[in-house]
Amino acid sequence: MAHVWFDQLETLEASHPGTLNQLKKDLENRTLIGEYIGSDEHQHLVKYSRVTIIFYAVVDNLSNDDCWPCDKAWEFFDKYGLDKVHCSSLGAYSDY
């Protein structure tokens, strides 16, 4: 998983020099939550066509909140070209 992450960082820096330093600043006191997918040695129920990390949350380590709202996290992932879990809103509900 670490090799995949470092490869992503290398690609990011090669395509947008200086972006890695901004990412480091943006990640200060924050944790990215993601899933390592596509490995033949650790295959899930779904067979993925590529090996990567798909992200689905950002945790602010200095906050009492569980994580950032999805739209804020997705903006962050898009800013740095990170793969993210695909989701769509099914609406807001007031009861079960």
C-alpha atoms as a PDB file:
ATOM      1  CA  MET A   1       0.000   0.000   0.000  1.00  0.00           C
ATOM      2  CA  ALA A   2       2.843   2.370   0.807  1.00  0.00           C
ATOM      3  CA  HIS A   3       4.385   1.786  -2.638  1.00  0.00           C
ATOM      4  CA  VAL A   4       1.097   2.760  -4.296  1.00  0.00           C
ATOM      5  CA  TRP A   5       0.852   5.915  -2.164  1.00  0.00           C
ATOM      6  CA  PHE A   6       4.423   6.975  -2.891  1.00  0.00           C
ATOM      7  CA  ASP A   7       3.888   6.306  -6.612  1.00  0.00           C
ATOM      8  CA  GLN A   8       0.842   8.589  -6.491  1.00  0.00           C
ATOM      9  CA  LEU A   9       2.875  11.298  -4.781  1.00  0.00           C
ATOM     10  CA  GLU A  10       5.645  11.001  -7.396  1.00  0.00           C
ATOM     11  CA  THR A  11       3.111  11.279 -10.221  1.00  0.00           C
ATOM     12  CA  LEU A  12       1.470  14.296  -8.577  1.00  0.00           C
ATOM     13  CA  GLU A  13       4.777  16.102  -8.141  1.00  0.00           C
ATOM     14  CA  ALA A  14       5.970  15.252 -11.665  1.00  0.00           C
ATOM     15  CA  SER A  15       2.788  16.533 -13.281  1.00  0.00           C
ATOM     16  CA  HIS A  16       2.369  19.579 -11.026  1.00  0.00           C
ATOM     17  CA  PRO A  17       5.704  20.627  -9.469  1.00  0.00           C
ATOM     18  CA  GLY A  18       5.308  22.151  -6.015  1.00  0.00           C
ATOM     19  CA  THR A  19       1.945  20.505  -5.421  1.00  0.00           C
ATOM     20  CA  LEU A  20       3.434  17.961  -3.039  1.00  0.00           C
ATOM     21  CA  ASN A  21       4.443  20.696  -0.595  1.00  0.00           C
ATOM     22  CA  GLN A  22       0.901  22.119  -0.716  1.00  0.00           C
ATOM     23  CA  LEU A  23      -0.542  18.648  -0.093  1.00  0.00           C
ATOM     24  CA  LYS A  24       1.724  18.265   2.937  1.00  0.00           C
ATOM     25  CA  LYS A  25       0.461  21.594   4.304  1.00  0.00           C
ATOM     26  CA  ASP A  26      -3.159  20.663   3.633  1.00  0.00           C
ATOM     27  CA  LEU A  27      -2.675  17.327   5.409  1.00  0.00           C
ATOM     28  CA  GLU A  28      -1.167  18.850   8.536  1.00  0.00           C
ATOM     29  CA  ASN A  29      -3.149  17.448  11.497  1.00  0.00           C
ATOM     30  CA  ARG A  30      -5.376  15.505   9.108  1.00  0.00           C
ATOM     31  CA  THR A  31      -5.642  11.852   8.120  1.00  0.00           C
ATOM     32  CA  LEU A  32      -6.820  10.473   4.793  1.00  0.00           C
ATOM     33  CA  ILE A  33      -8.949   7.332   4.992  1.00  0.00           C
ATOM     34  CA  GLY A  34      -8.902   5.020   2.011  1.00  0.00           C
ATOM     35  CA  GLU A  35      -8.926   1.450   0.840  1.00  0.00           C
ATOM     36  CA  TYR A  36      -6.138  -0.362  -0.981  1.00  0.00           C
ATOM     37  CA  ILE A  37      -7.719  -2.144  -3.942  1.00  0.00           C
ATOM     38  CA  GLY A  38      -6.686  -4.385  -6.802  1.00  0.00           C
ATOM     39  CA  SER A  39      -4.004  -6.466  -5.108  1.00  0.00           C
ATOM     40  CA  ASP A  40      -4.033 -10.120  -6.171  1.00  0.00           C
ATOM     41  CA  GLU A  41      -2.750 -11.113  -2.723  1.00  0.00           C
ATOM     42  CA  HIS A  42      -5.530  -9.280  -0.872  1.00  0.00           C
ATOM     43  CA  GLN A  43      -8.518  -9.489  -3.191  1.00  0.00           C
ATOM     44  CA  HIS A  44     -11.936  -8.315  -2.031  1.00  0.00           C
ATOM     45  CA  LEU A  45     -15.278  -9.530  -3.328  1.00  0.00           C
ATOM     46  CA  VAL A  46     -14.962  -7.131  -6.255  1.00  0.00           C
ATOM     47  CA  LYS A  47     -12.117  -7.786  -8.702  1.00  0.00           C
ATOM     48  CA  TYR A  48     -10.664  -4.386  -9.522  1.00  0.00           C
ATOM     49  CA  SER A  49      -8.892  -3.753 -12.809  1.00  0.00           C
ATOM     50  CA  ARG A  50      -6.114  -1.664 -11.251  1.00  0.00           C
ATOM     51  CA  VAL A  51      -4.100  -1.345  -8.081  1.00  0.00           C
ATOM     52  CA  THR A  52      -4.665   1.945  -6.239  1.00  0.00           C
ATOM     53  CA  ILE A  53      -5.993   3.530  -3.093  1.00  0.00           C
ATOM     54  CA  ILE A  54      -9.533   4.848  -3.227  1.00  0.00           C
ATOM     55  CA  PHE A  55     -10.216   7.488  -0.605  1.00  0.00           C
ATOM     56  CA  TYR A  56     -13.490   8.087   1.172  1.00  0.00           C
ATOM     57  CA  ALA A  57     -12.872  10.346   4.177  1.00  0.00           C
ATOM     58  CA  VAL A  58     -10.689  13.043   5.697  1.00  0.00           C
ATOM     59  CA  VAL A  59     -10.351  13.228   9.470  1.00  0.00           C
ATOM     60  CA  ASP A  60      -9.326  16.451  11.175  1.00  0.00           C
ATOM     61  CA  ASN A  61      -7.180  15.135  14.020  1.00  0.00           C
ATOM     62  CA  LEU A  62      -7.826  18.236  16.139  1.00  0.00           C
ATOM     63  CA  SER A  63     -11.616  18.121  15.835  1.00  0.00           C
ATOM     64  CA  ASN A  64     -14.298  16.270  17.767  1.00  0.00           C
ATOM     65  CA  ASP A  65     -16.097  15.559  14.478  1.00  0.00           C
ATOM     66  CA  ASP A  66     -15.738  12.072  13.024  1.00  0.00           C
ATOM     67  CA  CYS A  67     -14.689  13.362   9.610  1.00  0.00           C
ATOM     68  CA  TRP A  68     -15.239  16.101   7.058  1.00  0.00           C
ATOM     69  CA  PRO A  69     -18.556  16.277   5.212  1.00  0.00           C
ATOM     70  CA  CYS A  70     -18.405  14.217   2.004  1.00  0.00           C
ATOM     71  CA  ASP A  71     -18.605  17.211  -0.340  1.00  0.00           C
ATOM     72  CA  LYS A  72     -15.628  18.876   1.366  1.00  0.00           C
ATOM     73  CA  ALA A  73     -13.590  15.647   1.268  1.00  0.00           C
ATOM     74  CA  TRP A  74     -14.448  15.073  -2.415  1.00  0.00           C
ATOM     75  CA  GLU A  75     -13.267  18.604  -3.258  1.00  0.00           C
ATOM     76  CA  PHE A  76      -9.978  17.835  -1.488  1.00  0.00           C
ATOM     77  CA  PHE A  77      -9.538  14.537  -3.365  1.00  0.00           C
ATOM     78  CA  ASP A  78     -10.322  16.254  -6.679  1.00  0.00           C
ATOM     79  CA  LYS A  79      -7.857  19.064  -5.929  1.00  0.00           C
ATOM     80  CA  TYR A  80      -5.028  16.522  -5.812  1.00  0.00           C
ATOM     81  CA  GLY A  81      -6.360  14.062  -8.392  1.00  0.00           C
ATOM     82  CA  LEU A  82      -6.831  11.296  -5.823  1.00  0.00           C
ATOM     83  CA  ASP A  83      -9.147   8.379  -6.552  1.00  0.00           C
ATOM     84  CA  LYS A  84     -12.285   8.517  -4.469  1.00  0.00           C
ATOM     85  CA  VAL A  85     -15.178   6.228  -3.731  1.00  0.00           C
ATOM     86  CA  HIS A  86     -18.097   6.935  -6.028  1.00  0.00           C
ATOM     87  CA  CYS A  87     -21.313   7.757  -4.269  1.00  0.00           C
ATOM     88  CA  SER A  88     -24.542   9.584  -4.905  1.00  0.00           C
ATOM     89  CA  SER A  89     -27.123  11.131  -2.648  1.00  0.00           C
ATOM     90  CA  LEU A  90     -30.353   9.210  -2.246  1.00  0.00           C
ATOM     91  CA  GLY A  91     -32.023  12.161  -0.551  1.00  0.00           C
ATOM     92  CA  ALA A  92     -32.639  13.302   2.998  1.00  0.00           C
ATOM     93  CA  TYR A  93     -34.987  11.365   5.237  1.00  0.00           C
ATOM     94  CA  SER A  94     -36.526  12.142   8.609  1.00  0.00           C
ATOM     95  CA  ASP A  95     -37.406   8.560   9.595  1.00  0.00           C
ATOM     96  CA  TYR A  96     -36.457   4.994   8.840  1.00  0.00           C
END
